[in-house]
């Protein structure tokens, strides 16, 4: 199984690549659209500002490749946020529009960014987690100043509580999945989630 990590010069590519390799996935890190069309699934990581990321995706032609993809797609951190309709970060900017909702800055909390370990609370199970025995410890690692709001509840898989703010942690719509936290930095539970997503990809492509 071959996973394409999308390189648009704004992702924490190395740690994502290494985590996928530890789970026995064949990984290619590239911005080449022809090469990305040969993989079984796409991973969209992201570190930085939403407008800069969208500009890079549009300049490289990767915007259409992701939006029109019929392959499983996983967005991580900023990569998840880019899958929503818009963000208010820096300036109001349109996103890929896969998920309904807006990305807004935290308000009414003691510290921004939201940084550290929080427990995920599952609202429902995606297909790739059904029938699985989940680890008892379900803490994951977040680093972000903006979060998804006004989304469809049926697309919300799991959330975390940050000082009373409900933070969408996992979202799913069709073959698109988003993880606001960093699964590659979230210990055994993060690797478990990545592994189960990969197994779900394997079922789809077989």
C-alpha atoms as a PDB file:
ATOM      1  CA  UNK A   1       0.000   0.000   0.000  1.00  0.00           C
ATOM      2  CA  UNK A   2       1.415   3.351  -1.086  1.00  0.00           C
ATOM      3  CA  UNK A   3       0.685   6.597   0.771  1.00  0.00           C
ATOM      4  CA  UNK A   4       1.389  10.014  -0.726  1.00  0.00           C
ATOM      5  CA  UNK A   5       2.363  12.749   1.753  1.00  0.00           C
ATOM      6  CA  UNK A   6       1.611  16.045   0.032  1.00  0.00           C
ATOM      7  CA  UNK A   7       4.609  18.383   0.096  1.00  0.00           C
ATOM      8  CA  UNK A   8       3.517  21.988  -0.346  1.00  0.00           C
ATOM      9  CA  UNK A   9       6.370  23.405   1.754  1.00  0.00           C
ATOM     10  CA  UNK A  10       4.222  23.894   4.876  1.00  0.00           C
ATOM     11  CA  UNK A  11       4.084  20.502   6.544  1.00  0.00           C
ATOM     12  CA  UNK A  12       5.893  18.678   9.307  1.00  0.00           C
ATOM     13  CA  UNK A  13       6.726  16.061   6.711  1.00  0.00           C
ATOM     14  CA  UNK A  14       9.493  14.075   8.357  1.00  0.00           C
ATOM     15  CA  UNK A  15       7.622  13.012  11.496  1.00  0.00           C
ATOM     16  CA  UNK A  16       4.515  12.065   9.484  1.00  0.00           C
ATOM     17  CA  UNK A  17       6.606  10.125   6.972  1.00  0.00           C
ATOM     18  CA  UNK A  18       8.455   8.235   9.710  1.00  0.00           C
ATOM     19  CA  UNK A  19       5.255   7.358  11.587  1.00  0.00           C
ATOM     20  CA  UNK A  20       3.699   5.924   8.417  1.00  0.00           C
ATOM     21  CA  UNK A  21       6.852   3.941   7.666  1.00  0.00           C
ATOM     22  CA  UNK A  22       6.838   2.489  11.199  1.00  0.00           C
ATOM     23  CA  UNK A  23       3.373   1.180  10.360  1.00  0.00           C
ATOM     24  CA  UNK A  24       4.791  -0.580   7.270  1.00  0.00           C
ATOM     25  CA  UNK A  25       3.317   1.791   4.689  1.00  0.00           C
ATOM     26  CA  UNK A  26       5.234   2.621   1.539  1.00  0.00           C
ATOM     27  CA  UNK A  27       5.533   6.409   1.613  1.00  0.00           C
ATOM     28  CA  UNK A  28       6.279   8.970  -1.063  1.00  0.00           C
ATOM     29  CA  UNK A  29       6.680  12.648  -0.097  1.00  0.00           C
ATOM     30  CA  UNK A  30       6.109  14.832  -3.132  1.00  0.00           C
ATOM     31  CA  UNK A  31       4.316  17.755  -4.752  1.00  0.00           C
ATOM     32  CA  UNK A  32       4.310  16.035  -8.143  1.00  0.00           C
ATOM     33  CA  UNK A  33       0.697  15.528  -9.204  1.00  0.00           C
ATOM     34  CA  UNK A  34       1.459  12.637 -11.533  1.00  0.00           C
ATOM     35  CA  UNK A  35       3.219  10.772  -8.739  1.00  0.00           C
ATOM     36  CA  UNK A  36       0.420  11.533  -6.286  1.00  0.00           C
ATOM     37  CA  UNK A  37      -2.069  10.062  -8.752  1.00  0.00           C
ATOM     38  CA  UNK A  38      -0.309   6.678  -8.410  1.00  0.00           C
ATOM     39  CA  UNK A  39      -0.772   6.321  -4.633  1.00  0.00           C
ATOM     40  CA  UNK A  40      -3.560   4.580  -2.725  1.00  0.00           C
ATOM     41  CA  UNK A  41      -4.253   7.451  -0.299  1.00  0.00           C
ATOM     42  CA  UNK A  42      -3.149  11.003   0.451  1.00  0.00           C
ATOM     43  CA  UNK A  43      -1.986  12.658   3.658  1.00  0.00           C
ATOM     44  CA  UNK A  44      -2.155  16.462   3.910  1.00  0.00           C
ATOM     45  CA  UNK A  45      -0.049  17.671   6.847  1.00  0.00           C
ATOM     46  CA  UNK A  46       0.344  21.324   7.723  1.00  0.00           C
ATOM     47  CA  UNK A  47       2.178  23.808   9.919  1.00  0.00           C
ATOM     48  CA  UNK A  48       1.746  27.566   9.562  1.00  0.00           C
ATOM     49  CA  UNK A  49      -0.930  30.046   8.542  1.00  0.00           C
ATOM     50  CA  UNK A  50      -4.093  29.096   6.662  1.00  0.00           C
ATOM     51  CA  UNK A  51      -3.869  31.809   3.927  1.00  0.00           C
ATOM     52  CA  UNK A  52      -0.258  30.920   3.122  1.00  0.00           C
ATOM     53  CA  UNK A  53      -1.153  27.235   2.893  1.00  0.00           C
ATOM     54  CA  UNK A  54      -4.096  27.846   0.576  1.00  0.00           C
ATOM     55  CA  UNK A  55      -1.937  30.061  -1.638  1.00  0.00           C
ATOM     56  CA  UNK A  56       0.658  27.287  -1.918  1.00  0.00           C
ATOM     57  CA  UNK A  57      -1.982  24.672  -2.776  1.00  0.00           C
ATOM     58  CA  UNK A  58      -3.427  26.909  -5.500  1.00  0.00           C
ATOM     59  CA  UNK A  59      -0.021  27.854  -6.934  1.00  0.00           C
ATOM     60  CA  UNK A  60       1.055  24.235  -7.204  1.00  0.00           C
ATOM     61  CA  UNK A  61      -2.244  22.955  -8.613  1.00  0.00           C
ATOM     62  CA  UNK A  62      -2.663  20.707  -5.578  1.00  0.00           C
ATOM     63  CA  UNK A  63      -5.945  22.396  -4.592  1.00  0.00           C
ATOM     64  CA  UNK A  64      -7.873  20.642  -7.358  1.00  0.00           C
ATOM     65  CA  UNK A  65      -6.017  17.364  -6.894  1.00  0.00           C
ATOM     66  CA  UNK A  66      -7.119  17.188  -3.242  1.00  0.00           C
ATOM     67  CA  UNK A  67     -10.651  18.521  -3.686  1.00  0.00           C
ATOM     68  CA  UNK A  68     -11.401  16.186  -6.598  1.00  0.00           C
ATOM     69  CA  UNK A  69      -9.626  13.169  -5.143  1.00  0.00           C
ATOM     70  CA  UNK A  70     -11.494   9.866  -5.105  1.00  0.00           C
ATOM     71  CA  UNK A  71      -8.780   8.379  -2.857  1.00  0.00           C
ATOM     72  CA  UNK A  72      -8.887   8.390   0.961  1.00  0.00           C
ATOM     73  CA  UNK A  73      -7.471  11.691   2.243  1.00  0.00           C
ATOM     74  CA  UNK A  74      -6.218  12.411   5.776  1.00  0.00           C
ATOM     75  CA  UNK A  75      -5.649  16.013   6.861  1.00  0.00           C
ATOM     76  CA  UNK A  76      -3.504  16.572   9.959  1.00  0.00           C
ATOM     77  CA  UNK A  77      -3.554  19.749  12.107  1.00  0.00           C
ATOM     78  CA  UNK A  78      -3.566  22.677   9.616  1.00  0.00           C
ATOM     79  CA  UNK A  79      -4.170  20.034   6.958  1.00  0.00           C
ATOM     80  CA  UNK A  80      -7.501  19.233   8.618  1.00  0.00           C
ATOM     81  CA  UNK A  81      -8.427  22.922   8.857  1.00  0.00           C
ATOM     82  CA  UNK A  82      -7.783  23.405   5.137  1.00  0.00           C
ATOM     83  CA  UNK A  83     -10.560  20.898   4.426  1.00  0.00           C
ATOM     84  CA  UNK A  84     -13.170  23.298   5.872  1.00  0.00           C
ATOM     85  CA  UNK A  85     -15.035  26.095   4.065  1.00  0.00           C
ATOM     86  CA  UNK A  86     -13.099  29.074   5.391  1.00  0.00           C
ATOM     87  CA  UNK A  87     -10.791  30.455   8.068  1.00  0.00           C
ATOM     88  CA  UNK A  88     -10.525  33.790   9.825  1.00  0.00           C
ATOM     89  CA  UNK A  89      -6.777  33.375  10.439  1.00  0.00           C
ATOM     90  CA  UNK A  90      -4.924  36.567   9.375  1.00  0.00           C
ATOM     91  CA  UNK A  91      -7.636  37.345   6.801  1.00  0.00           C
ATOM     92  CA  UNK A  92     -10.849  35.570   5.835  1.00  0.00           C
ATOM     93  CA  UNK A  93      -9.780  32.874   3.394  1.00  0.00           C
ATOM     94  CA  UNK A  94     -11.692  30.159   1.586  1.00  0.00           C
ATOM     95  CA  UNK A  95     -10.662  26.567   2.174  1.00  0.00           C
ATOM     96  CA  UNK A  96     -11.200  23.365   0.217  1.00  0.00           C
ATOM     97  CA  UNK A  97     -14.829  23.162   1.356  1.00  0.00           C
ATOM     98  CA  UNK A  98     -14.955  19.417   1.968  1.00  0.00           C
ATOM     99  CA  UNK A  99     -16.382  19.958   5.454  1.00  0.00           C
ATOM    100  CA  UNK A 100     -19.000  22.555   6.348  1.00  0.00           C
ATOM    101  CA  UNK A 101     -17.800  25.017   8.974  1.00  0.00           C
ATOM    102  CA  UNK A 102     -15.369  27.801   9.783  1.00  0.00           C
ATOM    103  CA  UNK A 103     -11.946  27.894  11.400  1.00  0.00           C
ATOM    104  CA  UNK A 104     -11.868  30.442  14.236  1.00  0.00           C
ATOM    105  CA  UNK A 105      -9.369  31.580  16.849  1.00  0.00           C
ATOM    106  CA  UNK A 106      -9.829  30.448  20.442  1.00  0.00           C
ATOM    107  CA  UNK A 107     -11.471  32.991  22.745  1.00  0.00           C
ATOM    108  CA  UNK A 108     -12.168  32.902  26.473  1.00  0.00           C
ATOM    109  CA  UNK A 109      -9.320  30.517  27.293  1.00  0.00           C
ATOM    110  CA  UNK A 110      -6.288  31.137  29.495  1.00  0.00           C
ATOM    111  CA  UNK A 111      -3.652  30.234  26.923  1.00  0.00           C
ATOM    112  CA  UNK A 112      -3.285  30.350  23.164  1.00  0.00           C
ATOM    113  CA  UNK A 113      -2.095  28.213  21.484  1.00  0.00           C
ATOM    114  CA  UNK A 114      -3.869  25.174  22.841  1.00  0.00           C
ATOM    115  CA  UNK A 115      -0.792  23.038  23.427  1.00  0.00           C
ATOM    116  CA  UNK A 116      -0.548  19.707  25.188  1.00  0.00           C
ATOM    117  CA  UNK A 117      -2.303  16.430  25.827  1.00  0.00           C
ATOM    118  CA  UNK A 118      -6.100  16.151  25.909  1.00  0.00           C
ATOM    119  CA  UNK A 119      -8.418  13.190  26.054  1.00  0.00           C
ATOM    120  CA  UNK A 120     -10.501  12.468  22.962  1.00  0.00           C
ATOM    121  CA  UNK A 121     -14.195  11.789  23.517  1.00  0.00           C
ATOM    122  CA  UNK A 122     -15.694   9.690  20.743  1.00  0.00           C
ATOM    123  CA  UNK A 123     -19.165  10.709  19.593  1.00  0.00           C
ATOM    124  CA  UNK A 124     -19.365   7.897  17.026  1.00  0.00           C
ATOM    125  CA  UNK A 125     -17.102   5.452  15.217  1.00  0.00           C
ATOM    126  CA  UNK A 126     -15.931   5.842  11.617  1.00  0.00           C
ATOM    127  CA  UNK A 127     -15.895   2.703   9.470  1.00  0.00           C
ATOM    128  CA  UNK A 128     -12.160   2.231  10.104  1.00  0.00           C
ATOM    129  CA  UNK A 129     -12.674   1.998  13.897  1.00  0.00           C
ATOM    130  CA  UNK A 130     -15.773  -0.187  14.002  1.00  0.00           C
ATOM    131  CA  UNK A 131     -15.170  -3.547  15.639  1.00  0.00           C
ATOM    132  CA  UNK A 132     -11.826  -2.422  17.061  1.00  0.00           C
ATOM    133  CA  UNK A 133     -10.797  -2.529  20.715  1.00  0.00           C
ATOM    134  CA  UNK A 134      -9.654   0.973  21.574  1.00  0.00           C
ATOM    135  CA  UNK A 135      -6.785   1.613  24.024  1.00  0.00           C
ATOM    136  CA  UNK A 136      -7.842   2.681  27.515  1.00  0.00           C
ATOM    137  CA  UNK A 137      -5.691   5.821  27.322  1.00  0.00           C
ATOM    138  CA  UNK A 138      -7.109   8.064  24.603  1.00  0.00           C
ATOM    139  CA  UNK A 139      -5.017  11.205  25.096  1.00  0.00           C
ATOM    140  CA  UNK A 140      -3.577  12.948  22.023  1.00  0.00           C
ATOM    141  CA  UNK A 141      -1.236  15.880  21.465  1.00  0.00           C
ATOM    142  CA  UNK A 142      -2.568  19.236  20.208  1.00  0.00           C
ATOM    143  CA  UNK A 143      -0.726  22.381  19.079  1.00  0.00           C
ATOM    144  CA  UNK A 144      -3.043  24.993  17.531  1.00  0.00           C
ATOM    145  CA  UNK A 145      -4.541  28.458  17.976  1.00  0.00           C
ATOM    146  CA  UNK A 146      -7.551  27.967  15.685  1.00  0.00           C
ATOM    147  CA  UNK A 147     -10.251  25.293  15.637  1.00  0.00           C
ATOM    148  CA  UNK A 148     -13.252  24.180  13.594  1.00  0.00           C
ATOM    149  CA  UNK A 149     -16.676  25.652  14.436  1.00  0.00           C
ATOM    150  CA  UNK A 150     -20.250  25.390  13.095  1.00  0.00           C
ATOM    151  CA  UNK A 151     -19.624  21.996  11.552  1.00  0.00           C
ATOM    152  CA  UNK A 152     -22.134  19.243  10.820  1.00  0.00           C
ATOM    153  CA  UNK A 153     -22.591  17.076  13.901  1.00  0.00           C
ATOM    154  CA  UNK A 154     -22.862  13.939  11.776  1.00  0.00           C
ATOM    155  CA  UNK A 155     -19.285  14.597  10.559  1.00  0.00           C
ATOM    156  CA  UNK A 156     -17.886  14.930  14.085  1.00  0.00           C
ATOM    157  CA  UNK A 157     -16.232  11.702  15.229  1.00  0.00           C
ATOM    158  CA  UNK A 158     -14.336  12.826  18.320  1.00  0.00           C
ATOM    159  CA  UNK A 159     -13.671  16.008  20.264  1.00  0.00           C
ATOM    160  CA  UNK A 160     -11.628  17.289  23.182  1.00  0.00           C
ATOM    161  CA  UNK A 161     -12.501  19.780  25.907  1.00  0.00           C
ATOM    162  CA  UNK A 162     -10.170  22.755  26.205  1.00  0.00           C
ATOM    163  CA  UNK A 163     -11.310  24.918  29.139  1.00  0.00           C
ATOM    164  CA  UNK A 164     -14.947  24.465  28.156  1.00  0.00           C
ATOM    165  CA  UNK A 165     -14.373  24.849  24.402  1.00  0.00           C
ATOM    166  CA  UNK A 166     -15.396  21.822  22.349  1.00  0.00           C
ATOM    167  CA  UNK A 167     -12.506  21.182  19.954  1.00  0.00           C
ATOM    168  CA  UNK A 168     -13.260  18.865  17.005  1.00  0.00           C
ATOM    169  CA  UNK A 169     -10.472  16.292  17.071  1.00  0.00           C
ATOM    170  CA  UNK A 170     -11.498  13.821  14.350  1.00  0.00           C
ATOM    171  CA  UNK A 171     -13.898  14.589  11.500  1.00  0.00           C
ATOM    172  CA  UNK A 172     -15.021  12.355   8.644  1.00  0.00           C
ATOM    173  CA  UNK A 173     -16.966  13.030   5.450  1.00  0.00           C
ATOM    174  CA  UNK A 174     -16.999  10.240   2.901  1.00  0.00           C
ATOM    175  CA  UNK A 175     -13.396   9.317   2.120  1.00  0.00           C
ATOM    176  CA  UNK A 176     -12.030  12.491   3.774  1.00  0.00           C
ATOM    177  CA  UNK A 177     -10.746  12.355   7.364  1.00  0.00           C
ATOM    178  CA  UNK A 178      -9.287  15.140   9.484  1.00  0.00           C
ATOM    179  CA  UNK A 179      -7.312  14.962  12.735  1.00  0.00           C
ATOM    180  CA  UNK A 180      -6.724  18.279  14.500  1.00  0.00           C
ATOM    181  CA  UNK A 181      -4.117  16.743  16.814  1.00  0.00           C
ATOM    182  CA  UNK A 182      -0.811  15.217  15.720  1.00  0.00           C
ATOM    183  CA  UNK A 183      -1.290  11.429  15.607  1.00  0.00           C
ATOM    184  CA  UNK A 184       2.394  10.988  14.770  1.00  0.00           C
ATOM    185  CA  UNK A 185       3.303  12.683  18.085  1.00  0.00           C
ATOM    186  CA  UNK A 186       0.511  11.197  20.215  1.00  0.00           C
ATOM    187  CA  UNK A 187       2.177   8.067  21.527  1.00  0.00           C
ATOM    188  CA  UNK A 188       0.575   4.659  21.235  1.00  0.00           C
ATOM    189  CA  UNK A 189      -2.978   5.945  20.795  1.00  0.00           C
ATOM    190  CA  UNK A 190      -1.943   8.255  17.962  1.00  0.00           C
ATOM    191  CA  UNK A 191      -0.157   5.416  16.182  1.00  0.00           C
ATOM    192  CA  UNK A 192      -3.183   3.182  16.802  1.00  0.00           C
ATOM    193  CA  UNK A 193      -5.448   5.708  15.056  1.00  0.00           C
ATOM    194  CA  UNK A 194      -3.037   6.050  12.123  1.00  0.00           C
ATOM    195  CA  UNK A 195      -2.778   2.282  11.851  1.00  0.00           C
ATOM    196  CA  UNK A 196      -6.549   1.816  11.822  1.00  0.00           C
ATOM    197  CA  UNK A 197      -6.937   4.544   9.182  1.00  0.00           C
ATOM    198  CA  UNK A 198      -4.320   2.743   7.066  1.00  0.00           C
ATOM    199  CA  UNK A 199      -6.178  -0.549   7.487  1.00  0.00           C
ATOM    200  CA  UNK A 200      -9.334   1.217   6.347  1.00  0.00           C
ATOM    201  CA  UNK A 201      -7.476   2.453   3.268  1.00  0.00           C
ATOM    202  CA  UNK A 202      -6.327  -1.104   2.584  1.00  0.00           C
ATOM    203  CA  UNK A 203      -9.917  -2.374   2.717  1.00  0.00           C
ATOM    204  CA  UNK A 204     -11.034   0.347   0.267  1.00  0.00           C
ATOM    205  CA  UNK A 205      -8.317  -0.306  -2.292  1.00  0.00           C
ATOM    206  CA  UNK A 206      -8.465  -4.114  -2.216  1.00  0.00           C
END
